[in-house]
C-alpha cells in the first residue's frame, strides 16, 4: 500500500507504507543516541532530506526517459530507496544507458554543489557519513555514496542496467538480461559476505 504525496511534471510521488517504519526506526535510534526531542527530530529530518535526494535521483531517470518518449507512471519511496516505474522499456540500449546514468548524475551534481558550499566555508569534505559530521557534510557524503554505489554493475541497480545495455549491443535483450542478472547475484553475495564478516553492516 502506498500514498501519493506529490505530483511533479505529471509523475506521482508515492510513499510505501513500509517507509513509515524506516522513519520510526530512525526516530528511535536518534532518541536513544541523543535523549532529546531536538536530536530525534534532527535524525528524522536527515532521513527525509536523504529521500528528497532519492526522489531527485529517480526524477533524473524519469526526465531522461521522457527524452526518448518513455513515460514514467510513478515514483515510489521504499525503505531501500526509490523506484521509478517506466511505462515501457527504452527503444535502444544507448537510450537505456543514458536513462540509467541520469540518476547517479543527479546525485553527483548535488554532491558537487554541496562540496562547493562546504569548501567556500572551509569545511572538510567527508567521504562517508559519520556521527560528528554536520547536516551538509552528511548530505554531501550520502549523495557521493549514492552516485558511486548505484554505478556498481549489479543488476537491477543503475550500473547493472548500463551493463545490460552494453551486453545488448552484442546479444539479444533476454540473454543480456540473464548475464547482467548473474553478475548482480554475484555482487549480492559479495555484499552480504562483506556486511556480515568484515564491515559489520546490516544494511549491506
N, C-alpha and C. Protein backbone atom coordinates (compact mmCIF):
# COMPACT_ATOMS: atom_id res chain seq x y z
N UNK A 1 0.85 -1.19 0.00
CA UNK A 1 0.00 0.00 0.00
C UNK A 1 0.89 1.24 0.00
N UNK A 2 0.53 2.23 -0.83
CA UNK A 2 1.32 3.45 -0.95
C UNK A 2 0.39 4.64 -1.10
N UNK A 3 0.86 5.79 -0.67
CA UNK A 3 0.08 7.03 -0.74
C UNK A 3 0.80 8.03 -1.64
N UNK A 4 0.05 8.74 -2.46
CA UNK A 4 0.60 9.80 -3.29
C UNK A 4 0.72 11.07 -2.46
N UNK A 5 1.93 11.62 -2.40
CA UNK A 5 2.18 12.82 -1.57
C UNK A 5 2.47 14.05 -2.42
N UNK A 6 2.78 13.84 -3.71
CA UNK A 6 3.08 14.99 -4.57
C UNK A 6 2.98 14.54 -6.02
N UNK A 7 2.99 15.52 -6.90
CA UNK A 7 2.97 15.25 -8.35
C UNK A 7 3.92 16.24 -9.01
N UNK A 8 4.95 15.70 -9.68
CA UNK A 8 5.97 16.53 -10.30
C UNK A 8 6.00 16.22 -11.79
N UNK A 9 5.75 17.23 -12.60
CA UNK A 9 5.77 17.08 -14.06
C UNK A 9 4.91 15.90 -14.51
N UNK A 10 3.77 15.75 -13.87
CA UNK A 10 2.85 14.68 -14.24
C UNK A 10 3.19 13.33 -13.66
N UNK A 11 4.19 13.26 -12.79
CA UNK A 11 4.62 11.99 -12.20
C UNK A 11 4.22 11.97 -10.72
N UNK A 12 3.46 10.97 -10.32
CA UNK A 12 3.06 10.84 -8.92
C UNK A 12 4.25 10.40 -8.07
N UNK A 13 4.47 11.09 -6.95
CA UNK A 13 5.48 10.70 -5.96
C UNK A 13 4.74 10.01 -4.83
N UNK A 14 5.06 8.73 -4.59
CA UNK A 14 4.32 7.92 -3.65
C UNK A 14 5.23 7.42 -2.53
N UNK A 15 4.65 7.23 -1.35
CA UNK A 15 5.36 6.67 -0.20
C UNK A 15 4.73 5.33 0.15
N UNK A 16 5.54 4.28 0.15
CA UNK A 16 5.05 2.97 0.56
C UNK A 16 4.90 2.93 2.07
N UNK A 17 3.96 2.14 2.56
CA UNK A 17 3.69 2.09 3.99
C UNK A 17 4.92 1.67 4.79
N UNK A 18 5.78 0.83 4.21
CA UNK A 18 6.97 0.38 4.94
C UNK A 18 7.98 1.51 5.14
N UNK A 19 7.88 2.57 4.34
CA UNK A 19 8.77 3.71 4.51
C UNK A 19 8.55 4.37 5.87
N UNK A 20 7.31 4.33 6.36
CA UNK A 20 7.00 4.90 7.67
C UNK A 20 7.72 4.12 8.77
N UNK A 21 7.90 2.82 8.57
CA UNK A 21 8.64 2.02 9.54
C UNK A 21 10.10 2.46 9.61
N UNK A 22 10.66 2.83 8.45
CA UNK A 22 12.04 3.33 8.44
C UNK A 22 12.14 4.63 9.23
N UNK A 23 11.19 5.54 9.04
CA UNK A 23 11.20 6.80 9.79
C UNK A 23 11.09 6.54 11.29
N UNK A 24 10.21 5.60 11.66
CA UNK A 24 10.04 5.27 13.08
C UNK A 24 11.32 4.69 13.65
N UNK A 25 11.98 3.83 12.88
CA UNK A 25 13.22 3.22 13.36
C UNK A 25 14.30 4.27 13.57
N UNK A 26 14.46 5.20 12.63
CA UNK A 26 15.46 6.26 12.78
C UNK A 26 15.11 7.18 13.93
N UNK A 27 13.81 7.41 14.17
CA UNK A 27 13.40 8.23 15.31
C UNK A 27 13.82 7.56 16.61
N UNK A 28 13.62 6.25 16.70
CA UNK A 28 14.00 5.52 17.91
C UNK A 28 15.51 5.53 18.12
N UNK A 29 16.26 5.32 17.04
CA UNK A 29 17.73 5.32 17.14
C UNK A 29 18.24 6.70 17.55
N UNK A 30 17.70 7.75 16.93
CA UNK A 30 18.12 9.11 17.27
C UNK A 30 17.77 9.46 18.70
N UNK A 31 16.59 9.03 19.14
CA UNK A 31 16.18 9.29 20.52
C UNK A 31 17.09 8.58 21.50
N UNK A 32 17.48 7.34 21.19
CA UNK A 32 18.37 6.58 22.08
C UNK A 32 19.76 7.19 22.13
N UNK A 33 20.21 7.79 21.02
CA UNK A 33 21.55 8.36 20.97
C UNK A 33 21.63 9.74 21.59
N UNK A 34 20.59 10.57 21.38
CA UNK A 34 20.66 11.96 21.81
C UNK A 34 19.87 12.24 23.09
N UNK A 35 18.83 11.44 23.36
CA UNK A 35 17.98 11.63 24.54
C UNK A 35 17.31 13.00 24.56
N UNK A 36 17.15 13.60 23.38
CA UNK A 36 16.48 14.90 23.29
C UNK A 36 15.49 14.88 22.14
N UNK A 37 14.46 15.72 22.26
CA UNK A 37 13.49 15.84 21.18
C UNK A 37 14.13 16.45 19.94
N UNK A 38 15.00 17.45 20.16
CA UNK A 38 15.66 18.10 19.04
C UNK A 38 16.53 17.11 18.27
N UNK A 39 17.24 16.26 19.00
CA UNK A 39 18.09 15.26 18.36
C UNK A 39 17.27 14.24 17.59
N UNK A 40 16.13 13.87 18.15
CA UNK A 40 15.24 12.92 17.47
C UNK A 40 14.70 13.51 16.18
N UNK A 41 14.25 14.76 16.25
CA UNK A 41 13.71 15.42 15.06
C UNK A 41 14.80 15.62 14.01
N UNK A 42 16.03 15.90 14.46
CA UNK A 42 17.13 16.10 13.53
C UNK A 42 17.43 14.79 12.78
N UNK A 43 17.36 13.67 13.49
CA UNK A 43 17.59 12.38 12.85
C UNK A 43 16.54 12.07 11.80
N UNK A 44 15.29 12.34 12.13
CA UNK A 44 14.20 12.11 11.17
C UNK A 44 14.33 13.07 9.99
N UNK A 45 14.67 14.32 10.27
CA UNK A 45 14.81 15.31 9.20
C UNK A 45 15.92 14.91 8.22
N UNK A 46 17.00 14.35 8.75
CA UNK A 46 18.10 13.91 7.89
C UNK A 46 17.63 12.81 6.93
N UNK A 47 16.87 11.85 7.46
CA UNK A 47 16.35 10.77 6.61
C UNK A 47 15.44 11.34 5.53
N UNK A 48 14.60 12.28 5.91
CA UNK A 48 13.68 12.89 4.94
C UNK A 48 14.48 13.60 3.83
N UNK A 49 15.53 14.32 4.21
CA UNK A 49 16.35 15.02 3.22
C UNK A 49 17.08 14.04 2.30
N UNK A 50 17.53 12.93 2.87
CA UNK A 50 18.18 11.90 2.05
C UNK A 50 17.21 11.39 1.00
N UNK A 51 15.96 11.17 1.41
CA UNK A 51 14.98 10.64 0.46
C UNK A 51 14.49 11.71 -0.51
N UNK A 52 14.64 12.98 -0.17
CA UNK A 52 14.42 14.03 -1.17
C UNK A 52 15.46 13.88 -2.28
N UNK A 53 16.69 13.60 -1.88
CA UNK A 53 17.75 13.36 -2.87
C UNK A 53 17.45 12.11 -3.70
N UNK A 54 16.86 11.10 -3.06
CA UNK A 54 16.48 9.88 -3.77
C UNK A 54 15.40 10.20 -4.82
N UNK A 55 14.43 11.03 -4.44
CA UNK A 55 13.39 11.43 -5.39
C UNK A 55 14.01 12.17 -6.57
N UNK A 56 14.95 13.07 -6.30
CA UNK A 56 15.62 13.79 -7.38
C UNK A 56 16.37 12.82 -8.29
N UNK A 57 16.99 11.81 -7.69
CA UNK A 57 17.67 10.76 -8.45
C UNK A 57 16.69 10.08 -9.41
N UNK A 58 15.53 9.69 -8.88
CA UNK A 58 14.54 9.00 -9.72
C UNK A 58 13.95 9.93 -10.77
N UNK A 59 13.80 11.21 -10.43
CA UNK A 59 13.32 12.18 -11.44
C UNK A 59 14.35 12.33 -12.56
N UNK A 60 15.63 12.20 -12.22
CA UNK A 60 16.65 12.21 -13.26
C UNK A 60 16.41 11.11 -14.28
N UNK A 61 16.11 9.89 -13.77
CA UNK A 61 15.76 8.78 -14.67
C UNK A 61 14.52 9.14 -15.51
N UNK A 62 13.50 9.68 -14.82
CA UNK A 62 12.22 9.95 -15.47
C UNK A 62 12.36 10.99 -16.58
N UNK A 63 13.08 12.06 -16.32
CA UNK A 63 13.23 13.12 -17.33
C UNK A 63 14.09 12.64 -18.50
N UNK A 64 15.11 11.82 -18.19
CA UNK A 64 15.91 11.26 -19.28
C UNK A 64 15.07 10.32 -20.13
N UNK A 65 14.21 9.52 -19.47
CA UNK A 65 13.34 8.61 -20.20
C UNK A 65 12.38 9.37 -21.09
N UNK A 66 11.90 10.52 -20.60
CA UNK A 66 10.96 11.32 -21.39
C UNK A 66 11.58 11.80 -22.69
N UNK A 67 12.89 12.04 -22.66
CA UNK A 67 13.59 12.45 -23.88
C UNK A 67 13.45 11.41 -24.98
N UNK A 68 13.33 10.15 -24.56
CA UNK A 68 13.24 9.05 -25.54
C UNK A 68 11.80 8.56 -25.70
N UNK A 69 10.84 9.38 -25.27
CA UNK A 69 9.45 9.04 -25.46
C UNK A 69 8.91 8.00 -24.50
N UNK A 70 9.63 7.75 -23.40
CA UNK A 70 9.19 6.77 -22.40
C UNK A 70 8.63 7.52 -21.20
N UNK A 71 7.37 7.32 -20.90
CA UNK A 71 6.73 8.00 -19.77
C UNK A 71 6.97 7.22 -18.48
N UNK A 72 6.91 7.94 -17.35
CA UNK A 72 7.07 7.34 -16.03
C UNK A 72 5.73 7.34 -15.32
N UNK A 73 5.28 6.16 -14.88
CA UNK A 73 3.98 6.06 -14.22
C UNK A 73 4.01 6.74 -12.86
N UNK A 74 4.99 6.40 -12.04
CA UNK A 74 5.10 7.00 -10.71
C UNK A 74 6.47 6.68 -10.12
N UNK A 75 6.77 7.34 -9.02
CA UNK A 75 7.99 7.09 -8.25
C UNK A 75 7.55 6.73 -6.83
N UNK A 76 7.98 5.57 -6.36
CA UNK A 76 7.58 5.10 -5.03
C UNK A 76 8.80 5.01 -4.13
N UNK A 77 8.68 5.58 -2.94
CA UNK A 77 9.75 5.53 -1.95
C UNK A 77 9.57 4.31 -1.06
N UNK A 78 10.62 3.51 -0.95
CA UNK A 78 10.67 2.33 -0.11
C UNK A 78 11.82 2.48 0.88
N UNK A 79 11.87 1.67 1.93
CA UNK A 79 13.00 1.77 2.87
C UNK A 79 14.36 1.58 2.22
N UNK A 80 14.43 0.81 1.11
CA UNK A 80 15.71 0.56 0.45
C UNK A 80 16.01 1.58 -0.64
N UNK A 81 15.12 2.53 -0.86
CA UNK A 81 15.36 3.54 -1.88
C UNK A 81 14.11 3.88 -2.65
N UNK A 82 14.29 4.37 -3.88
CA UNK A 82 13.15 4.77 -4.71
C UNK A 82 13.06 3.92 -5.97
N UNK A 83 11.87 3.80 -6.51
CA UNK A 83 11.64 3.04 -7.74
C UNK A 83 10.81 3.89 -8.69
N UNK A 84 11.37 4.17 -9.87
CA UNK A 84 10.62 4.86 -10.92
C UNK A 84 10.07 3.81 -11.87
N UNK A 85 8.76 3.74 -12.01
CA UNK A 85 8.14 2.75 -12.89
C UNK A 85 7.94 3.34 -14.28
N UNK A 86 8.72 2.87 -15.23
CA UNK A 86 8.58 3.32 -16.62
C UNK A 86 7.46 2.53 -17.29
N UNK A 87 6.73 3.19 -18.18
CA UNK A 87 5.63 2.52 -18.86
C UNK A 87 6.10 1.49 -19.88
N UNK A 88 7.32 1.64 -20.35
CA UNK A 88 7.85 0.70 -21.33
C UNK A 88 9.37 0.71 -21.28
N UNK A 89 9.98 -0.28 -21.91
CA UNK A 89 11.44 -0.34 -21.99
C UNK A 89 11.94 0.71 -22.99
N UNK A 90 13.15 1.23 -22.78
CA UNK A 90 13.74 2.11 -23.80
C UNK A 90 13.85 1.37 -25.14
N UNK A 91 13.82 2.13 -26.21
CA UNK A 91 13.80 1.52 -27.54
C UNK A 91 15.17 1.04 -28.00
N UNK A 92 16.24 1.45 -27.32
CA UNK A 92 17.58 1.05 -27.74
C UNK A 92 18.48 0.95 -26.52
N UNK A 93 19.54 0.12 -26.60
CA UNK A 93 20.50 0.04 -25.48
C UNK A 93 21.12 1.38 -25.15
N UNK A 94 21.39 2.19 -26.17
CA UNK A 94 22.00 3.50 -25.91
C UNK A 94 21.07 4.39 -25.09
N UNK A 95 19.78 4.31 -25.37
CA UNK A 95 18.81 5.08 -24.59
C UNK A 95 18.80 4.58 -23.15
N UNK A 96 18.87 3.27 -22.95
CA UNK A 96 18.88 2.74 -21.59
C UNK A 96 20.11 3.20 -20.82
N UNK A 97 21.25 3.29 -21.50
CA UNK A 97 22.47 3.77 -20.84
C UNK A 97 22.28 5.19 -20.33
N UNK A 98 21.74 6.06 -21.18
CA UNK A 98 21.52 7.46 -20.79
C UNK A 98 20.54 7.54 -19.62
N UNK A 99 19.45 6.78 -19.71
CA UNK A 99 18.43 6.81 -18.66
C UNK A 99 19.01 6.30 -17.34
N UNK A 100 19.81 5.21 -17.41
CA UNK A 100 20.38 4.63 -16.19
C UNK A 100 21.39 5.57 -15.54
N UNK A 101 22.18 6.27 -16.35
CA UNK A 101 23.21 7.15 -15.80
C UNK A 101 22.65 8.48 -15.30
N UNK A 102 21.44 8.83 -15.71
CA UNK A 102 20.86 10.12 -15.33
C UNK A 102 20.65 10.22 -13.82
N UNK A 103 20.26 9.12 -13.17
CA UNK A 103 20.03 9.15 -11.73
C UNK A 103 21.30 9.44 -10.94
N UNK A 104 22.37 8.63 -11.11
CA UNK A 104 23.63 8.93 -10.41
C UNK A 104 24.19 10.30 -10.77
N UNK A 105 23.94 10.77 -11.99
CA UNK A 105 24.42 12.10 -12.38
C UNK A 105 23.79 13.19 -11.52
N UNK A 106 22.51 13.01 -11.17
CA UNK A 106 21.83 13.98 -10.30
C UNK A 106 22.49 14.00 -8.93
N UNK A 107 22.76 12.81 -8.36
CA UNK A 107 23.42 12.75 -7.05
C UNK A 107 24.81 13.36 -7.10
N UNK A 108 25.52 13.12 -8.20
CA UNK A 108 26.85 13.71 -8.34
C UNK A 108 26.76 15.23 -8.42
N UNK A 109 25.75 15.75 -9.11
CA UNK A 109 25.57 17.20 -9.20
C UNK A 109 25.26 17.79 -7.83
N UNK A 110 24.42 17.10 -7.05
CA UNK A 110 24.11 17.58 -5.70
C UNK A 110 25.37 17.57 -4.84
N UNK A 111 26.15 16.49 -4.94
CA UNK A 111 27.38 16.38 -4.16
C UNK A 111 28.36 17.50 -4.53
N UNK A 112 28.47 17.81 -5.81
CA UNK A 112 29.39 18.87 -6.25
C UNK A 112 28.92 20.23 -5.74
N UNK A 113 27.61 20.46 -5.76
CA UNK A 113 27.08 21.73 -5.26
C UNK A 113 27.35 21.87 -3.76
N UNK A 114 27.13 20.79 -3.01
CA UNK A 114 27.40 20.83 -1.57
C UNK A 114 28.89 20.96 -1.30
N UNK A 115 29.72 20.31 -2.12
CA UNK A 115 31.17 20.42 -1.96
C UNK A 115 31.63 21.86 -2.16
N UNK A 116 31.05 22.53 -3.14
CA UNK A 116 31.41 23.93 -3.37
C UNK A 116 31.03 24.80 -2.18
N UNK A 117 29.83 24.56 -1.62
CA UNK A 117 29.38 25.35 -0.48
C UNK A 117 30.25 25.08 0.75
N UNK A 118 30.57 23.81 0.99
CA UNK A 118 31.38 23.46 2.16
C UNK A 118 32.81 23.97 2.00
N UNK A 119 33.36 23.87 0.79
CA UNK A 119 34.72 24.36 0.56
C UNK A 119 34.80 25.87 0.73
N UNK A 120 33.75 26.57 0.30
CA UNK A 120 33.72 28.02 0.46
C UNK A 120 33.73 28.41 1.94
N UNK A 121 33.13 27.54 2.77
CA UNK A 121 33.10 27.79 4.21
C UNK A 121 34.29 27.14 4.92
N UNK A 122 35.23 26.59 4.12
CA UNK A 122 36.44 25.95 4.66
C UNK A 122 36.09 24.78 5.60
N UNK A 123 35.08 24.01 5.20
CA UNK A 123 34.64 22.84 5.97
C UNK A 123 35.13 21.59 5.24
N UNK A 124 35.75 20.64 5.96
CA UNK A 124 36.26 19.43 5.29
C UNK A 124 35.14 18.59 4.69
N UNK A 125 35.49 17.84 3.64
CA UNK A 125 34.53 17.01 2.94
C UNK A 125 34.72 15.55 3.35
N UNK A 126 33.77 14.98 4.08
CA UNK A 126 33.89 13.57 4.47
C UNK A 126 33.52 12.66 3.31
N UNK A 127 34.21 11.53 3.19
CA UNK A 127 33.88 10.57 2.14
C UNK A 127 32.71 9.67 2.54
N UNK A 128 32.50 9.53 3.86
CA UNK A 128 31.39 8.72 4.36
C UNK A 128 30.68 9.47 5.48
N UNK A 129 29.37 9.29 5.64
CA UNK A 129 28.66 9.94 6.75
C UNK A 129 29.17 9.39 8.09
N UNK A 130 29.28 10.26 9.08
CA UNK A 130 29.66 9.81 10.41
C UNK A 130 29.01 10.71 11.45
N UNK A 131 29.05 10.28 12.69
CA UNK A 131 28.31 10.95 13.76
C UNK A 131 28.71 12.39 14.01
N UNK A 132 29.97 12.74 13.72
CA UNK A 132 30.43 14.09 14.02
C UNK A 132 30.23 15.06 12.85
N UNK A 133 29.74 14.56 11.73
CA UNK A 133 29.56 15.40 10.55
C UNK A 133 28.33 16.29 10.71
N UNK A 134 28.38 17.46 10.09
CA UNK A 134 27.21 18.35 10.08
C UNK A 134 26.19 17.83 9.07
N UNK A 135 25.03 18.46 9.05
CA UNK A 135 23.98 18.03 8.13
C UNK A 135 24.44 18.12 6.68
N UNK A 136 25.07 19.25 6.30
CA UNK A 136 25.52 19.41 4.92
C UNK A 136 26.64 18.44 4.58
N UNK A 137 27.55 18.21 5.54
CA UNK A 137 28.61 17.24 5.31
C UNK A 137 28.02 15.84 5.09
N UNK A 138 27.04 15.48 5.90
CA UNK A 138 26.42 14.17 5.77
C UNK A 138 25.69 14.03 4.44
N UNK A 139 24.98 15.08 4.03
CA UNK A 139 24.28 15.03 2.75
C UNK A 139 25.26 14.94 1.58
N UNK A 140 26.38 15.63 1.69
CA UNK A 140 27.41 15.50 0.66
C UNK A 140 27.88 14.06 0.55
N UNK A 141 28.22 13.46 1.71
CA UNK A 141 28.73 12.09 1.70
C UNK A 141 27.68 11.11 1.19
N UNK A 142 26.43 11.30 1.59
CA UNK A 142 25.35 10.40 1.17
C UNK A 142 25.17 10.46 -0.35
N UNK A 143 25.16 11.66 -0.91
CA UNK A 143 24.99 11.78 -2.36
C UNK A 143 26.18 11.21 -3.12
N UNK A 144 27.36 11.36 -2.56
CA UNK A 144 28.54 10.76 -3.20
C UNK A 144 28.43 9.24 -3.19
N UNK A 145 28.01 8.69 -2.05
CA UNK A 145 27.85 7.24 -1.93
C UNK A 145 26.74 6.75 -2.86
N UNK A 146 25.62 7.48 -2.92
CA UNK A 146 24.52 7.09 -3.80
C UNK A 146 24.96 7.06 -5.26
N UNK A 147 25.73 8.06 -5.66
CA UNK A 147 26.19 8.12 -7.05
C UNK A 147 27.10 6.95 -7.37
N UNK A 148 28.07 6.69 -6.49
CA UNK A 148 29.06 5.64 -6.76
C UNK A 148 28.47 4.25 -6.58
N UNK A 149 27.68 4.06 -5.52
CA UNK A 149 27.12 2.73 -5.24
C UNK A 149 26.16 2.30 -6.35
N UNK A 150 25.37 3.24 -6.87
CA UNK A 150 24.43 2.89 -7.92
C UNK A 150 25.12 2.55 -9.23
N UNK A 151 26.40 2.91 -9.37
CA UNK A 151 27.13 2.59 -10.58
C UNK A 151 27.78 1.21 -10.54
N UNK A 152 27.70 0.53 -9.38
CA UNK A 152 28.20 -0.85 -9.31
C UNK A 152 27.41 -1.69 -10.32
N UNK A 153 28.08 -2.48 -11.17
CA UNK A 153 27.38 -3.22 -12.23
C UNK A 153 26.60 -4.42 -11.71
N UNK A 154 25.70 -4.17 -10.77
CA UNK A 154 24.89 -5.24 -10.17
C UNK A 154 23.43 -4.98 -10.54
N UNK A 155 22.95 -5.69 -11.55
CA UNK A 155 21.55 -5.55 -11.98
C UNK A 155 20.64 -5.97 -10.83
N UNK A 156 19.53 -5.20 -10.52
CA UNK A 156 18.95 -4.15 -11.35
C UNK A 156 19.33 -2.72 -10.96
N UNK A 157 20.47 -2.53 -10.29
CA UNK A 157 20.90 -1.17 -10.00
C UNK A 157 21.31 -0.48 -11.31
N UNK A 158 21.54 0.82 -11.22
CA UNK A 158 21.80 1.59 -12.44
C UNK A 158 23.02 1.07 -13.19
N UNK A 159 24.09 0.76 -12.46
CA UNK A 159 25.28 0.22 -13.12
C UNK A 159 24.99 -1.10 -13.80
N UNK A 160 24.12 -1.91 -13.20
CA UNK A 160 23.73 -3.17 -13.81
C UNK A 160 22.91 -2.97 -15.07
N UNK A 161 22.11 -1.92 -15.09
CA UNK A 161 21.33 -1.62 -16.30
C UNK A 161 22.26 -1.13 -17.42
N UNK A 162 23.29 -0.38 -17.04
CA UNK A 162 24.28 0.02 -18.04
C UNK A 162 24.98 -1.22 -18.59
N UNK A 163 25.34 -2.16 -17.70
CA UNK A 163 25.97 -3.40 -18.13
C UNK A 163 25.06 -4.17 -19.09
N UNK A 164 23.77 -4.28 -18.74
CA UNK A 164 22.84 -4.99 -19.62
C UNK A 164 22.74 -4.31 -20.99
N UNK A 165 22.68 -2.99 -20.98
CA UNK A 165 22.58 -2.26 -22.25
C UNK A 165 23.83 -2.49 -23.10
N UNK A 166 25.01 -2.49 -22.47
CA UNK A 166 26.23 -2.75 -23.22
C UNK A 166 26.24 -4.17 -23.78
N UNK A 167 25.77 -5.13 -22.99
CA UNK A 167 25.69 -6.51 -23.47
C UNK A 167 24.66 -6.64 -24.59
N UNK A 168 23.59 -5.82 -24.50
CA UNK A 168 22.52 -5.88 -25.52
C UNK A 168 23.00 -5.35 -26.87
N UNK A 169 24.12 -4.63 -26.89
CA UNK A 169 24.68 -4.20 -28.16
C UNK A 169 25.21 -5.40 -28.95
N UNK A 170 25.45 -6.52 -28.23
CA UNK A 170 26.01 -7.71 -28.88
C UNK A 170 25.06 -8.90 -28.84
N UNK A 171 24.30 -9.02 -27.73
CA UNK A 171 23.44 -10.18 -27.55
C UNK A 171 21.97 -9.75 -27.58
N UNK A 172 21.04 -10.72 -27.79
CA UNK A 172 19.61 -10.42 -27.64
C UNK A 172 19.32 -9.92 -26.23
N UNK A 173 18.26 -9.11 -26.09
CA UNK A 173 17.98 -8.46 -24.80
C UNK A 173 17.77 -9.48 -23.67
N UNK A 174 17.08 -10.60 -24.01
CA UNK A 174 16.84 -11.61 -22.98
C UNK A 174 18.12 -12.19 -22.44
N UNK A 175 19.05 -12.54 -23.35
CA UNK A 175 20.33 -13.11 -22.90
C UNK A 175 21.14 -12.06 -22.15
N UNK A 176 21.14 -10.82 -22.62
CA UNK A 176 21.87 -9.75 -21.93
C UNK A 176 21.34 -9.57 -20.52
N UNK A 177 20.01 -9.67 -20.35
CA UNK A 177 19.40 -9.53 -19.02
C UNK A 177 19.85 -10.68 -18.11
N UNK A 178 19.88 -11.90 -18.64
CA UNK A 178 20.32 -13.05 -17.84
C UNK A 178 21.77 -12.89 -17.40
N UNK A 179 22.63 -12.46 -18.32
CA UNK A 179 24.04 -12.26 -17.97
C UNK A 179 24.18 -11.18 -16.89
N UNK A 180 23.50 -10.06 -17.08
CA UNK A 180 23.58 -8.97 -16.12
C UNK A 180 23.01 -9.39 -14.77
N UNK A 181 21.94 -10.19 -14.77
CA UNK A 181 21.34 -10.68 -13.53
C UNK A 181 22.31 -11.59 -12.78
N UNK A 182 23.04 -12.41 -13.52
CA UNK A 182 24.03 -13.30 -12.89
C UNK A 182 25.12 -12.50 -12.20
N UNK A 183 25.58 -11.45 -12.88
CA UNK A 183 26.59 -10.57 -12.27
C UNK A 183 26.02 -9.91 -11.02
N UNK A 184 24.74 -9.49 -11.09
CA UNK A 184 24.09 -8.88 -9.93
C UNK A 184 24.01 -9.84 -8.76
N UNK A 185 23.74 -11.11 -9.03
CA UNK A 185 23.67 -12.11 -7.95
C UNK A 185 25.04 -12.29 -7.29
N UNK A 186 26.09 -12.27 -8.10
CA UNK A 186 27.44 -12.40 -7.55
C UNK A 186 27.74 -11.23 -6.61
N UNK A 187 27.39 -10.02 -7.05
CA UNK A 187 27.62 -8.85 -6.20
C UNK A 187 26.77 -8.92 -4.94
N UNK A 188 25.54 -9.45 -5.04
CA UNK A 188 24.69 -9.58 -3.86
C UNK A 188 25.34 -10.47 -2.82
N UNK A 189 25.92 -11.58 -3.26
CA UNK A 189 26.61 -12.49 -2.34
C UNK A 189 27.83 -11.80 -1.72
N UNK A 190 28.60 -11.10 -2.57
CA UNK A 190 29.79 -10.42 -2.06
C UNK A 190 29.43 -9.33 -1.05
N UNK A 191 28.38 -8.55 -1.34
CA UNK A 191 27.93 -7.52 -0.40
C UNK A 191 27.50 -8.15 0.92
N UNK A 192 26.77 -9.25 0.85
CA UNK A 192 26.28 -9.90 2.06
C UNK A 192 27.46 -10.42 2.90
N UNK A 193 28.41 -11.07 2.26
CA UNK A 193 29.58 -11.59 2.99
C UNK A 193 30.38 -10.45 3.62
N UNK A 194 30.56 -9.37 2.84
CA UNK A 194 31.30 -8.21 3.37
C UNK A 194 30.57 -7.59 4.55
N UNK A 195 29.24 -7.47 4.44
CA UNK A 195 28.46 -6.87 5.52
C UNK A 195 28.47 -7.70 6.79
N UNK A 196 28.48 -9.03 6.64
CA UNK A 196 28.41 -9.92 7.80
C UNK A 196 29.77 -10.11 8.45
N UNK A 197 30.79 -10.39 7.64
CA UNK A 197 32.07 -10.84 8.19
C UNK A 197 33.14 -9.76 8.31
N UNK A 198 33.03 -8.69 7.53
CA UNK A 198 34.11 -7.71 7.51
C UNK A 198 33.70 -6.32 7.99
N UNK A 199 32.54 -5.84 7.54
CA UNK A 199 32.16 -4.45 7.82
C UNK A 199 31.14 -4.33 8.94
N UNK A 200 30.55 -5.45 9.38
CA UNK A 200 29.51 -5.43 10.42
C UNK A 200 28.42 -4.43 10.06
N UNK A 201 27.97 -4.52 8.80
CA UNK A 201 27.00 -3.57 8.26
C UNK A 201 25.75 -4.32 7.86
N UNK A 202 24.68 -4.22 8.68
CA UNK A 202 23.45 -4.97 8.40
C UNK A 202 22.77 -4.47 7.14
N UNK A 203 23.00 -3.21 6.76
CA UNK A 203 22.36 -2.68 5.56
C UNK A 203 22.86 -3.41 4.31
N UNK A 204 24.19 -3.66 4.25
CA UNK A 204 24.72 -4.44 3.13
C UNK A 204 24.15 -5.86 3.14
